[in-house]
C-alpha atoms as a PDB file:
ATOM      1  CA  UNK A   1      28.485  21.689   6.345  1.00  0.00           C
ATOM      2  CA  UNK A   2      27.105  20.321   2.938  1.00  0.00           C
ATOM      3  CA  UNK A   3      26.791  22.409   0.172  1.00  0.00           C
ATOM      4  CA  UNK A   4      23.675  20.707  -0.827  1.00  0.00           C
ATOM      5  CA  UNK A   5      21.328  18.341   0.614  1.00  0.00           C
ATOM      6  CA  UNK A   6      21.510  14.578  -0.445  1.00  0.00           C
ATOM      7  CA  UNK A   7      17.986  14.403  -1.887  1.00  0.00           C
ATOM      8  CA  UNK A   8      15.479  16.638  -3.096  1.00  0.00           C
ATOM      9  CA  UNK A   9      11.651  16.283  -3.014  1.00  0.00           C
ATOM     10  CA  UNK A  10       8.824  17.825  -4.885  1.00  0.00           C
ATOM     11  CA  UNK A  11       6.521  17.846  -1.926  1.00  0.00           C
ATOM     12  CA  UNK A  12       4.187  16.278  -0.627  1.00  0.00           C
ATOM     13  CA  UNK A  13       5.898  12.888  -0.222  1.00  0.00           C
ATOM     14  CA  UNK A  14       4.026   9.658   0.668  1.00  0.00           C
ATOM     15  CA  UNK A  15       5.346   6.229   2.150  1.00  0.00           C
ATOM     16  CA  UNK A  16       4.234   3.466   4.149  1.00  0.00           C
ATOM     17  CA  UNK A  17       4.061   3.493   7.666  1.00  0.00           C
ATOM     18  CA  UNK A  18       6.718   0.506   7.968  1.00  0.00           C
ATOM     19  CA  UNK A  19       9.172   2.951   5.761  1.00  0.00           C
ATOM     20  CA  UNK A  20       9.376   5.382   8.461  1.00  0.00           C
ATOM     21  CA  UNK A  21      13.203   4.854   8.948  1.00  0.00           C
ATOM     22  CA  UNK A  22      13.806   4.425   5.171  1.00  0.00           C
ATOM     23  CA  UNK A  23      16.038   6.759   3.030  1.00  0.00           C
ATOM     24  CA  UNK A  24      13.357   7.895   0.644  1.00  0.00           C
ATOM     25  CA  UNK A  25      14.605   8.297  -2.751  1.00  0.00           C
ATOM     26  CA  UNK A  26      12.049  10.409  -4.951  1.00  0.00           C
ATOM     27  CA  UNK A  27      12.611   8.312  -8.336  1.00  0.00           C
ATOM     28  CA  UNK A  28       9.573   9.205  -9.817  1.00  0.00           C
ATOM     29  CA  UNK A  29       7.063  11.951  -9.033  1.00  0.00           C
ATOM     30  CA  UNK A  30       3.313  11.202  -8.615  1.00  0.00           C
ATOM     31  CA  UNK A  31       1.448   8.295  -9.571  1.00  0.00           C
ATOM     32  CA  UNK A  32       1.148   6.728 -12.945  1.00  0.00           C
ATOM     33  CA  UNK A  33      -2.487   6.017 -13.174  1.00  0.00           C
ATOM     34  CA  UNK A  34      -3.879   8.773 -10.293  1.00  0.00           C
ATOM     35  CA  UNK A  35      -7.620   8.330 -11.442  1.00  0.00           C
ATOM     36  CA  UNK A  36      -8.807   6.622  -8.347  1.00  0.00           C
ATOM     37  CA  UNK A  37     -11.840   8.685  -6.924  1.00  0.00           C
ATOM     38  CA  UNK A  38     -10.887   7.940  -3.178  1.00  0.00           C
ATOM     39  CA  UNK A  39      -6.999   9.114  -3.486  1.00  0.00           C
ATOM     40  CA  UNK A  40      -5.938  12.477  -2.469  1.00  0.00           C
ATOM     41  CA  UNK A  41      -2.480  11.659  -2.390  1.00  0.00           C
ATOM     42  CA  UNK A  42      -1.080  13.165  -5.806  1.00  0.00           C
ATOM     43  CA  UNK A  43      -3.573  15.806  -6.675  1.00  0.00           C
ATOM     44  CA  UNK A  44      -1.745  18.840  -6.404  1.00  0.00           C
ATOM     45  CA  UNK A  45      -0.744  20.433  -9.544  1.00  0.00           C
ATOM     46  CA  UNK A  46       3.004  20.034  -9.164  1.00  0.00           C
ATOM     47  CA  UNK A  47       2.386  16.109  -8.663  1.00  0.00           C
ATOM     48  CA  UNK A  48       1.865  15.411 -12.439  1.00  0.00           C
ATOM     49  CA  UNK A  49       3.478  11.891 -12.929  1.00  0.00           C
ATOM     50  CA  UNK A  50       6.873  12.186 -14.311  1.00  0.00           C
ATOM     51  CA  UNK A  51      10.001  10.003 -13.970  1.00  0.00           C
ATOM     52  CA  UNK A  52      12.919  12.315 -12.167  1.00  0.00           C
ATOM     53  CA  UNK A  53      15.864  12.699 -14.176  1.00  0.00           C
ATOM     54  CA  UNK A  54      18.267   9.202 -14.158  1.00  0.00           C
ATOM     55  CA  UNK A  55      21.439  11.611 -13.623  1.00  0.00           C
ATOM     56  CA  UNK A  56      19.740  13.149 -10.865  1.00  0.00           C
ATOM     57  CA  UNK A  57      18.559  10.342  -9.162  1.00  0.00           C
ATOM     58  CA  UNK A  58      22.080   8.723  -9.743  1.00  0.00           C
ATOM     59  CA  UNK A  59      24.231  11.990  -8.437  1.00  0.00           C
ATOM     60  CA  UNK A  60      21.628  12.046  -5.094  1.00  0.00           C
ATOM     61  CA  UNK A  61      22.461   8.122  -4.426  1.00  0.00           C
ATOM     62  CA  UNK A  62      25.798   9.100  -4.629  1.00  0.00           C
ATOM     63  CA  UNK A  63      25.565  12.044  -2.287  1.00  0.00           C
ATOM     64  CA  UNK A  64      23.782   9.895   0.111  1.00  0.00           C
ATOM     65  CA  UNK A  65      26.298   7.579   0.245  1.00  0.00           C
ATOM     66  CA  UNK A  66      28.993   9.882   1.021  1.00  0.00           C
ATOM     67  CA  UNK A  67      27.085  12.120   3.639  1.00  0.00           C
ATOM     68  CA  UNK A  68      24.401   9.784   5.620  1.00  0.00           C
ATOM     69  CA  UNK A  69      26.601   6.912   6.410  1.00  0.00           C
ATOM     70  CA  UNK A  70      25.173   3.256   7.083  1.00  0.00           C
ATOM     71  CA  UNK A  71      21.619   3.329   5.594  1.00  0.00           C
ATOM     72  CA  UNK A  72      19.634  -0.145   6.332  1.00  0.00           C
ATOM     73  CA  UNK A  73      16.466   0.460   4.091  1.00  0.00           C
ATOM     74  CA  UNK A  74      15.604   2.555   0.842  1.00  0.00           C
ATOM     75  CA  UNK A  75      12.246   3.354  -0.420  1.00  0.00           C
ATOM     76  CA  UNK A  76      11.673   4.046  -3.957  1.00  0.00           C
ATOM     77  CA  UNK A  77       9.002   6.915  -4.325  1.00  0.00           C
ATOM     78  CA  UNK A  78       6.658   8.205  -5.295  1.00  0.00           C
ATOM     79  CA  UNK A  79       3.298   6.673  -6.015  1.00  0.00           C
ATOM     80  CA  UNK A  80       4.713   3.761  -8.372  1.00  0.00           C
ATOM     81  CA  UNK A  81       8.243   3.851  -9.090  1.00  0.00           C
ATOM     82  CA  UNK A  82       7.597   0.559 -10.824  1.00  0.00           C
ATOM     83  CA  UNK A  83       6.406   2.186 -13.617  1.00  0.00           C
ATOM     84  CA  UNK A  84      10.269   2.774 -14.601  1.00  0.00           C
ATOM     85  CA  UNK A  85      11.580   0.608 -17.242  1.00  0.00           C
ATOM     86  CA  UNK A  86      13.523  -2.544 -15.989  1.00  0.00           C
ATOM     87  CA  UNK A  87      16.436  -0.947 -17.702  1.00  0.00           C
ATOM     88  CA  UNK A  88      16.219   2.190 -15.178  1.00  0.00           C
ATOM     89  CA  UNK A  89      15.253   0.281 -12.215  1.00  0.00           C
ATOM     90  CA  UNK A  90      18.369  -1.866 -12.772  1.00  0.00           C
ATOM     91  CA  UNK A  91      20.797   1.201 -12.847  1.00  0.00           C
ATOM     92  CA  UNK A  92      19.108   2.791 -10.003  1.00  0.00           C
ATOM     93  CA  UNK A  93      19.670  -0.839  -7.799  1.00  0.00           C
ATOM     94  CA  UNK A  94      23.287  -0.977  -9.141  1.00  0.00           C
ATOM     95  CA  UNK A  95      23.702   2.494  -8.080  1.00  0.00           C
ATOM     96  CA  UNK A  96      22.331   1.682  -4.593  1.00  0.00           C
ATOM     97  CA  UNK A  97      24.705  -1.057  -4.264  1.00  0.00           C
ATOM     98  CA  UNK A  98      27.658   0.750  -5.067  1.00  0.00           C
ATOM     99  CA  UNK A  99      27.153   4.061  -3.153  1.00  0.00           C
ATOM    100  CA  UNK A 100      24.942   2.333  -0.034  1.00  0.00           C
ATOM    101  CA  UNK A 101      26.598  -0.905   0.612  1.00  0.00           C
ATOM    102  CA  UNK A 102      24.622  -1.453   3.873  1.00  0.00           C
ATOM    103  CA  UNK A 103      21.616  -1.244   2.526  1.00  0.00           C
ATOM    104  CA  UNK A 104      19.631  -4.628   2.934  1.00  0.00           C
ATOM    105  CA  UNK A 105      16.053  -4.038   1.708  1.00  0.00           C
ATOM    106  CA  UNK A 106      14.882  -1.662  -1.204  1.00  0.00           C
ATOM    107  CA  UNK A 107      11.160  -1.279  -1.436  1.00  0.00           C
ATOM    108  CA  UNK A 108       8.682   0.349  -3.539  1.00  0.00           C
ATOM    109  CA  UNK A 109       4.882   1.357  -4.211  1.00  0.00           C
ATOM    110  CA  UNK A 110       3.489  -0.799  -7.035  1.00  0.00           C
ATOM    111  CA  UNK A 111       0.600  -0.781  -9.180  1.00  0.00           C
ATOM    112  CA  UNK A 112      -0.580  -4.561 -10.763  1.00  0.00           C
ATOM    113  CA  UNK A 113      -0.337  -2.914 -14.147  1.00  0.00           C
ATOM    114  CA  UNK A 114       2.991  -2.294 -13.813  1.00  0.00           C
ATOM    115  CA  UNK A 115       4.109  -5.689 -12.702  1.00  0.00           C
ATOM    116  CA  UNK A 116       1.988  -6.977 -15.658  1.00  0.00           C
ATOM    117  CA  UNK A 117       4.602  -5.236 -18.136  1.00  0.00           C
ATOM    118  CA  UNK A 118       7.513  -7.208 -16.724  1.00  0.00           C
ATOM    119  CA  UNK A 119       8.272 -10.777 -16.760  1.00  0.00           C
ATOM    120  CA  UNK A 120       9.230 -12.835 -14.195  1.00  0.00           C
ATOM    121  CA  UNK A 121      12.854 -13.285 -15.324  1.00  0.00           C
ATOM    122  CA  UNK A 122      12.565  -9.348 -15.200  1.00  0.00           C
ATOM    123  CA  UNK A 123      11.524  -9.189 -11.852  1.00  0.00           C
ATOM    124  CA  UNK A 124      14.062 -11.771 -10.673  1.00  0.00           C
ATOM    125  CA  UNK A 125      16.626  -9.412 -11.745  1.00  0.00           C
ATOM    126  CA  UNK A 126      15.471  -6.817  -9.843  1.00  0.00           C
ATOM    127  CA  UNK A 127      15.468  -8.978  -6.815  1.00  0.00           C
ATOM    128  CA  UNK A 128      18.608 -10.161  -7.187  1.00  0.00           C
ATOM    129  CA  UNK A 129      19.586  -6.383  -7.118  1.00  0.00           C
ATOM    130  CA  UNK A 130      17.865  -5.849  -3.963  1.00  0.00           C
ATOM    131  CA  UNK A 131      14.424  -4.985  -4.644  1.00  0.00           C
ATOM    132  CA  UNK A 132      12.615  -7.344  -2.003  1.00  0.00           C
ATOM    133  CA  UNK A 133       9.442  -5.863  -1.210  1.00  0.00           C
ATOM    134  CA  UNK A 134       6.605  -3.995  -3.139  1.00  0.00           C
ATOM    135  CA  UNK A 135       3.169  -2.300  -1.702  1.00  0.00           C
ATOM    136  CA  UNK A 136       0.430  -3.212  -3.574  1.00  0.00           C
ATOM    137  CA  UNK A 137      -2.935  -1.024  -3.044  1.00  0.00           C
ATOM    138  CA  UNK A 138      -5.321  -3.696  -3.911  1.00  0.00           C
ATOM    139  CA  UNK A 139      -8.284  -1.432  -2.173  1.00  0.00           C
ATOM    140  CA  UNK A 140     -10.622  -4.241  -2.864  1.00  0.00           C
ATOM    141  CA  UNK A 141     -10.794  -7.400  -4.339  1.00  0.00           C
ATOM    142  CA  UNK A 142     -14.756  -7.034  -5.371  1.00  0.00           C
ATOM    143  CA  UNK A 143     -14.770  -6.114  -9.025  1.00  0.00           C
ATOM    144  CA  UNK A 144     -17.892  -4.015  -8.619  1.00  0.00           C
ATOM    145  CA  UNK A 145     -16.280  -2.116  -6.046  1.00  0.00           C
ATOM    146  CA  UNK A 146     -13.105  -1.465  -8.159  1.00  0.00           C
ATOM    147  CA  UNK A 147     -14.978  -0.350 -11.016  1.00  0.00           C
ATOM    148  CA  UNK A 148     -16.867   2.361  -9.039  1.00  0.00           C
ATOM    149  CA  UNK A 149     -13.747   3.754  -7.584  1.00  0.00           C
ATOM    150  CA  UNK A 150     -12.067   3.779 -10.896  1.00  0.00           C
ATOM    151  CA  UNK A 151      -9.187   1.636  -9.585  1.00  0.00           C
ATOM    152  CA  UNK A 152      -8.252   0.123 -13.084  1.00  0.00           C
ATOM    153  CA  UNK A 153      -7.679  -2.770 -11.784  1.00  0.00           C
ATOM    154  CA  UNK A 154      -9.635  -6.323 -11.082  1.00  0.00           C
ATOM    155  CA  UNK A 155      -9.358  -9.231  -9.107  1.00  0.00           C
ATOM    156  CA  UNK A 156      -7.645 -11.344 -11.590  1.00  0.00           C
ATOM    157  CA  UNK A 157      -5.203  -8.624 -12.419  1.00  0.00           C
ATOM    158  CA  UNK A 158      -4.280  -8.045  -8.694  1.00  0.00           C
ATOM    159  CA  UNK A 159      -3.895 -11.593  -7.932  1.00  0.00           C
ATOM    160  CA  UNK A 160      -1.650 -12.084 -11.197  1.00  0.00           C
ATOM    161  CA  UNK A 161       0.755  -9.492 -10.140  1.00  0.00           C
ATOM    162  CA  UNK A 162       0.937 -10.615  -6.681  1.00  0.00           C
ATOM    163  CA  UNK A 163       1.545 -14.317  -7.630  1.00  0.00           C
ATOM    164  CA  UNK A 164       4.106 -12.861 -10.559  1.00  0.00           C
ATOM    165  CA  UNK A 165       6.041 -10.962  -7.768  1.00  0.00           C
ATOM    166  CA  UNK A 166       6.162 -14.212  -5.204  1.00  0.00           C
ATOM    167  CA  UNK A 167       7.393 -16.211  -8.371  1.00  0.00           C
ATOM    168  CA  UNK A 168      10.244 -13.756  -8.656  1.00  0.00           C
ATOM    169  CA  UNK A 169      10.770 -14.193  -4.832  1.00  0.00           C
ATOM    170  CA  UNK A 170       9.909 -10.404  -4.125  1.00  0.00           C
ATOM    171  CA  UNK A 171       7.898 -10.068  -0.859  1.00  0.00           C
ATOM    172  CA  UNK A 172       4.460  -8.134  -1.114  1.00  0.00           C
ATOM    173  CA  UNK A 173       2.456  -6.057   1.335  1.00  0.00           C
ATOM    174  CA  UNK A 174      -1.381  -5.792   0.327  1.00  0.00           C
ATOM    175  CA  UNK A 175      -3.242  -2.916   1.557  1.00  0.00           C
ATOM    176  CA  UNK A 176      -7.165  -3.196   1.642  1.00  0.00           C
ATOM    177  CA  UNK A 177      -9.368  -0.349   2.701  1.00  0.00           C
ATOM    178  CA  UNK A 178     -12.010  -0.693   5.599  1.00  0.00           C
ATOM    179  CA  UNK A 179     -14.986   0.740   4.336  1.00  0.00           C
ATOM    180  CA  UNK A 180     -14.396   1.087   0.401  1.00  0.00           C
ATOM    181  CA  UNK A 181     -17.535  -0.373  -0.501  1.00  0.00           C
ATOM    182  CA  UNK A 182     -19.939   1.833   1.880  1.00  0.00           C
ATOM    183  CA  UNK A 183     -22.843   0.393   3.578  1.00  0.00           C
ATOM    184  CA  UNK A 184     -24.261  -0.956   0.229  1.00  0.00           C
ATOM    185  CA  UNK A 185     -21.167  -2.995  -0.832  1.00  0.00           C
ATOM    186  CA  UNK A 186     -19.729  -4.008   2.559  1.00  0.00           C
ATOM    187  CA  UNK A 187     -20.275  -7.395   2.910  1.00  0.00           C
ATOM    188  CA  UNK A 188     -18.957  -8.368  -0.526  1.00  0.00           C
ATOM    189  CA  UNK A 189     -16.223  -5.966  -0.401  1.00  0.00           C
ATOM    190  CA  UNK A 190     -15.102  -7.727   2.992  1.00  0.00           C
ATOM    191  CA  UNK A 191     -15.500 -11.453   1.577  1.00  0.00           C
ATOM    192  CA  UNK A 192     -14.027 -10.967  -2.126  1.00  0.00           C
ATOM    193  CA  UNK A 193     -10.918  -8.970  -0.141  1.00  0.00           C
ATOM    194  CA  UNK A 194     -10.780 -11.997   1.882  1.00  0.00           C
ATOM    195  CA  UNK A 195     -10.750 -14.283  -1.197  1.00  0.00           C
ATOM    196  CA  UNK A 196      -7.949 -12.281  -2.851  1.00  0.00           C
ATOM    197  CA  UNK A 197      -5.485 -12.475   0.014  1.00  0.00           C
ATOM    198  CA  UNK A 198      -6.150 -16.101   0.466  1.00  0.00           C
ATOM    199  CA  UNK A 199      -5.320 -16.718  -3.182  1.00  0.00           C
ATOM    200  CA  UNK A 200      -2.186 -15.035  -2.860  1.00  0.00           C
ATOM    201  CA  UNK A 201      -1.004 -15.800   0.291  1.00  0.00           C
ATOM    202  CA  UNK A 202       1.067 -12.093   0.491  1.00  0.00           C
ATOM    203  CA  UNK A 203       3.876 -11.645   3.066  1.00  0.00           C
ATOM    204  CA  UNK A 204       1.879  -8.770   4.716  1.00  0.00           C
ATOM    205  CA  UNK A 205      -1.692  -7.618   4.585  1.00  0.00           C
ATOM    206  CA  UNK A 206      -2.509  -4.269   6.026  1.00  0.00           C
ATOM    207  CA  UNK A 207      -5.909  -2.319   6.115  1.00  0.00           C
ATOM    208  CA  UNK A 208      -6.190   1.318   6.468  1.00  0.00           C
ATOM    209  CA  UNK A 209      -9.682   3.090   6.801  1.00  0.00           C
ATOM    210  CA  UNK A 210     -11.303   5.058   4.148  1.00  0.00           C
ATOM    211  CA  UNK A 211     -11.410   8.746   4.737  1.00  0.00           C
ATOM    212  CA  UNK A 212     -12.108  12.208   3.054  1.00  0.00           C
ATOM    213  CA  UNK A 213     -10.030  15.241   3.813  1.00  0.00           C
ATOM    214  CA  UNK A 214     -11.045  16.903   0.757  1.00  0.00           C
ATOM    215  CA  UNK A 215     -14.816  15.801   0.848  1.00  0.00           C
ATOM    216  CA  UNK A 216     -16.410  12.712  -0.566  1.00  0.00           C
ATOM    217  CA  UNK A 217     -18.016  13.849  -3.807  1.00  0.00           C
ATOM    218  CA  UNK A 218     -15.976  12.091  -6.303  1.00  0.00           C
ATOM    219  CA  UNK A 219     -16.562   8.555  -4.368  1.00  0.00           C
ATOM    220  CA  UNK A 220     -20.201   9.127  -3.965  1.00  0.00           C
ATOM    221  CA  UNK A 221     -20.514  10.186  -7.914  1.00  0.00           C
ATOM    222  CA  UNK A 222     -18.465   6.665  -8.724  1.00  0.00           C
ATOM    223  CA  UNK A 223     -21.226   4.674  -6.585  1.00  0.00           C
ATOM    224  CA  UNK A 224     -23.916   6.788  -8.430  1.00  0.00           C
ATOM    225  CA  UNK A 225     -24.758   8.943  -5.400  1.00  0.00           C
ATOM    226  CA  UNK A 226     -25.691   5.897  -3.544  1.00  0.00           C
ATOM    227  CA  UNK A 227     -22.573   5.638  -1.290  1.00  0.00           C
ATOM    228  CA  UNK A 228     -22.970   5.714   2.413  1.00  0.00           C
ATOM    229  CA  UNK A 229     -20.241   5.910   5.057  1.00  0.00           C
ATOM    230  CA  UNK A 230     -19.903   3.431   7.639  1.00  0.00           C
ATOM    231  CA  UNK A 231     -19.838   4.511  11.385  1.00  0.00           C
ATOM    232  CA  UNK A 232     -16.909   3.017  13.527  1.00  0.00           C
ATOM    233  CA  UNK A 233     -18.744  -0.026  14.738  1.00  0.00           C
ATOM    234  CA  UNK A 234     -20.024  -0.877  11.192  1.00  0.00           C
ATOM    235  CA  UNK A 235     -16.527  -0.689  10.232  1.00  0.00           C
ATOM    236  CA  UNK A 236     -15.314  -3.025  12.694  1.00  0.00           C
ATOM    237  CA  UNK A 237     -18.055  -5.427  11.746  1.00  0.00           C
ATOM    238  CA  UNK A 238     -16.820  -5.160   8.185  1.00  0.00           C
ATOM    239  CA  UNK A 239     -13.162  -5.908   9.460  1.00  0.00           C
ATOM    240  CA  UNK A 240     -14.597  -9.265  11.314  1.00  0.00           C
ATOM    241  CA  UNK A 241     -15.979 -10.383   8.056  1.00  0.00           C
ATOM    242  CA  UNK A 242     -12.965  -9.888   6.020  1.00  0.00           C
ATOM    243  CA  UNK A 243     -10.611 -11.347   8.960  1.00  0.00           C
ATOM    244  CA  UNK A 244     -13.193 -14.397   9.470  1.00  0.00           C
ATOM    245  CA  UNK A 245     -13.229 -15.382   5.713  1.00  0.00           C
ATOM    246  CA  UNK A 246      -9.172 -15.269   5.424  1.00  0.00           C
ATOM    247  CA  UNK A 247      -7.705 -18.507   5.212  1.00  0.00           C
ATOM    248  CA  UNK A 248      -3.848 -17.535   5.503  1.00  0.00           C
ATOM    249  CA  UNK A 249      -0.939 -19.413   6.507  1.00  0.00           C
ATOM    250  CA  UNK A 250       1.480 -16.845   7.833  1.00  0.00           C
ATOM    251  CA  UNK A 251       0.754 -13.340   6.527  1.00  0.00           C
ATOM    252  CA  UNK A 252       1.688 -10.368   8.976  1.00  0.00           C
ATOM    253  CA  UNK A 253      -1.495  -8.449   9.543  1.00  0.00           C
ATOM    254  CA  UNK A 254      -1.635  -4.865  10.674  1.00  0.00           C
ATOM    255  CA  UNK A 255      -4.399  -2.301  11.046  1.00  0.00           C
ATOM    256  CA  UNK A 256      -1.940   0.196  12.459  1.00  0.00           C
ATOM    257  CA  UNK A 257      -2.273   3.121  10.081  1.00  0.00           C
ATOM    258  CA  UNK A 258      -3.052   6.627  11.474  1.00  0.00           C
ATOM    259  CA  UNK A 259      -6.922   6.195  10.036  1.00  0.00           C
ATOM    260  CA  UNK A 260      -7.731   2.828  12.012  1.00  0.00           C
ATOM    261  CA  UNK A 261     -10.078   3.068  14.833  1.00  0.00           C
ATOM    262  CA  UNK A 262      -8.981  -0.246  15.860  1.00  0.00           C
ATOM    263  CA  UNK A 263      -5.185  -1.319  16.123  1.00  0.00           C
ATOM    264  CA  UNK A 264      -4.966  -5.230  15.218  1.00  0.00           C
ATOM    265  CA  UNK A 265      -1.973  -6.915  15.025  1.00  0.00           C
ATOM    266  CA  UNK A 266      -0.629 -10.321  14.548  1.00  0.00           C
ATOM    267  CA  UNK A 267       0.070 -13.473  11.941  1.00  0.00           C
ATOM    268  CA  UNK A 268      -3.191 -14.733  10.087  1.00  0.00           C
ATOM    269  CA  UNK A 269      -3.979 -17.616  10.513  1.00  0.00           C
ATOM    270  CA  UNK A 270      -2.334 -18.042  14.015  1.00  0.00           C
ATOM    271  CA  UNK A 271      -3.797 -15.168  15.713  1.00  0.00           C
ATOM    272  CA  UNK A 272      -7.203 -15.211  13.725  1.00  0.00           C
ATOM    273  CA  UNK A 273      -9.359 -15.973  16.780  1.00  0.00           C
ATOM    274  CA  UNK A 274      -7.574 -13.737  18.945  1.00  0.00           C
ATOM    275  CA  UNK A 275      -8.130 -10.770  16.444  1.00  0.00           C
ATOM    276  CA  UNK A 276     -11.730 -11.969  15.987  1.00  0.00           C
ATOM    277  CA  UNK A 277     -12.440 -11.716  19.677  1.00  0.00           C
ATOM    278  CA  UNK A 278     -10.898  -8.329  19.578  1.00  0.00           C
ATOM    279  CA  UNK A 279     -12.860  -6.987  17.168  1.00  0.00           C
ATOM    280  CA  UNK A 280     -15.924  -8.541  19.081  1.00  0.00           C
ATOM    281  CA  UNK A 281     -14.929  -6.454  22.229  1.00  0.00           C
ATOM    282  CA  UNK A 282     -14.616  -3.151  20.044  1.00  0.00           C
ATOM    283  CA  UNK A 283     -17.974  -3.976  18.300  1.00  0.00           C
ATOM    284  CA  UNK A 284     -19.903  -3.853  21.697  1.00  0.00           C
ATOM    285  CA  UNK A 285     -17.708  -1.043  22.925  1.00  0.00           C
ATOM    286  CA  UNK A 286     -18.589   1.354  20.099  1.00  0.00           C
ATOM    287  CA  UNK A 287     -22.314   0.413  20.169  1.00  0.00           C
ATOM    288  CA  UNK A 288     -22.421   1.004  23.994  1.00  0.00           C
ATOM    289  CA  UNK A 289     -20.832   4.246  23.514  1.00  0.00           C
ATOM    290  CA  UNK A 290     -21.889   5.940  20.424  1.00  0.00           C
ATOM    291  CA  UNK A 291     -20.298   9.083  21.700  1.00  0.00           C
ATOM    292  CA  UNK A 292     -16.977   7.810  20.967  1.00  0.00           C
ATOM    293  CA  UNK A 293     -17.188   6.891  17.574  1.00  0.00           C
ATOM    294  CA  UNK A 294     -14.141   7.336  15.436  1.00  0.00           C
ATOM    295  CA  UNK A 295     -12.182   7.113  18.537  1.00  0.00           C
ATOM    296  CA  UNK A 296      -8.915   4.792  18.016  1.00  0.00           C
ATOM    297  CA  UNK A 297      -9.041   1.585  20.279  1.00  0.00           C
ATOM    298  CA  UNK A 298      -6.554  -0.821  21.008  1.00  0.00           C
ATOM    299  CA  UNK A 299      -7.220  -4.108  22.909  1.00  0.00           C
END
């Protein structure tokens, strides 16, 4: 039995679905922006943003190497590890290489603003040290929606960040939130989000569905009280508009988050028509059976 655990966490801790088997290293606490009206991930008092002590992070990486054996993937938490300086990120990545030599992928959440602060050359240095994937919560490609949810980003700032990461050979996974514009902005949200991924051709594109575990007052206030959530059939229709307007070459697409009512998996554009057909089936299904609205469906 070890005298202390390899890693300590300030709860709650979040990670992308695809990082379920990864070692999570909490190198920061909370999110460096944390002003989005829809986000409830880092609102607890103990989740105020702060970098974790560098010495503590390095000690934890060393203990992981001593106690955990073969580790293949590492996810740098919390909400935006890329807010750290290039120097500190390099130190962390170098320690992972030294103490966890079996690691083949290091990934992190990333706000576009924190890519903007780093040069392509600096990002390439991080890539050479093992940082190979960043998760960017674009939420929407529509500037009007982004302003109303207080995202602090625009179509252009998100596009520039994804393209800069691509120039450094860092893969990107871009998240869009289905239903983020409500009924009033649904079409423009879907179309502009498709235009964002078309312009950047990310390696991965994913969607989750807007949900309110603690109420929707903050989101409604951002929309001036005019926000109307979509029902399940309308969410599928918005997804259809989004997929229909994509012009992607080989982006892996997933809508398999726990919030999604319709599970879709494939490659866009190879599987585009199959996805559209599945969405059409789902729309008919939900409209014919309104009593099962919000039930997860898989075709």
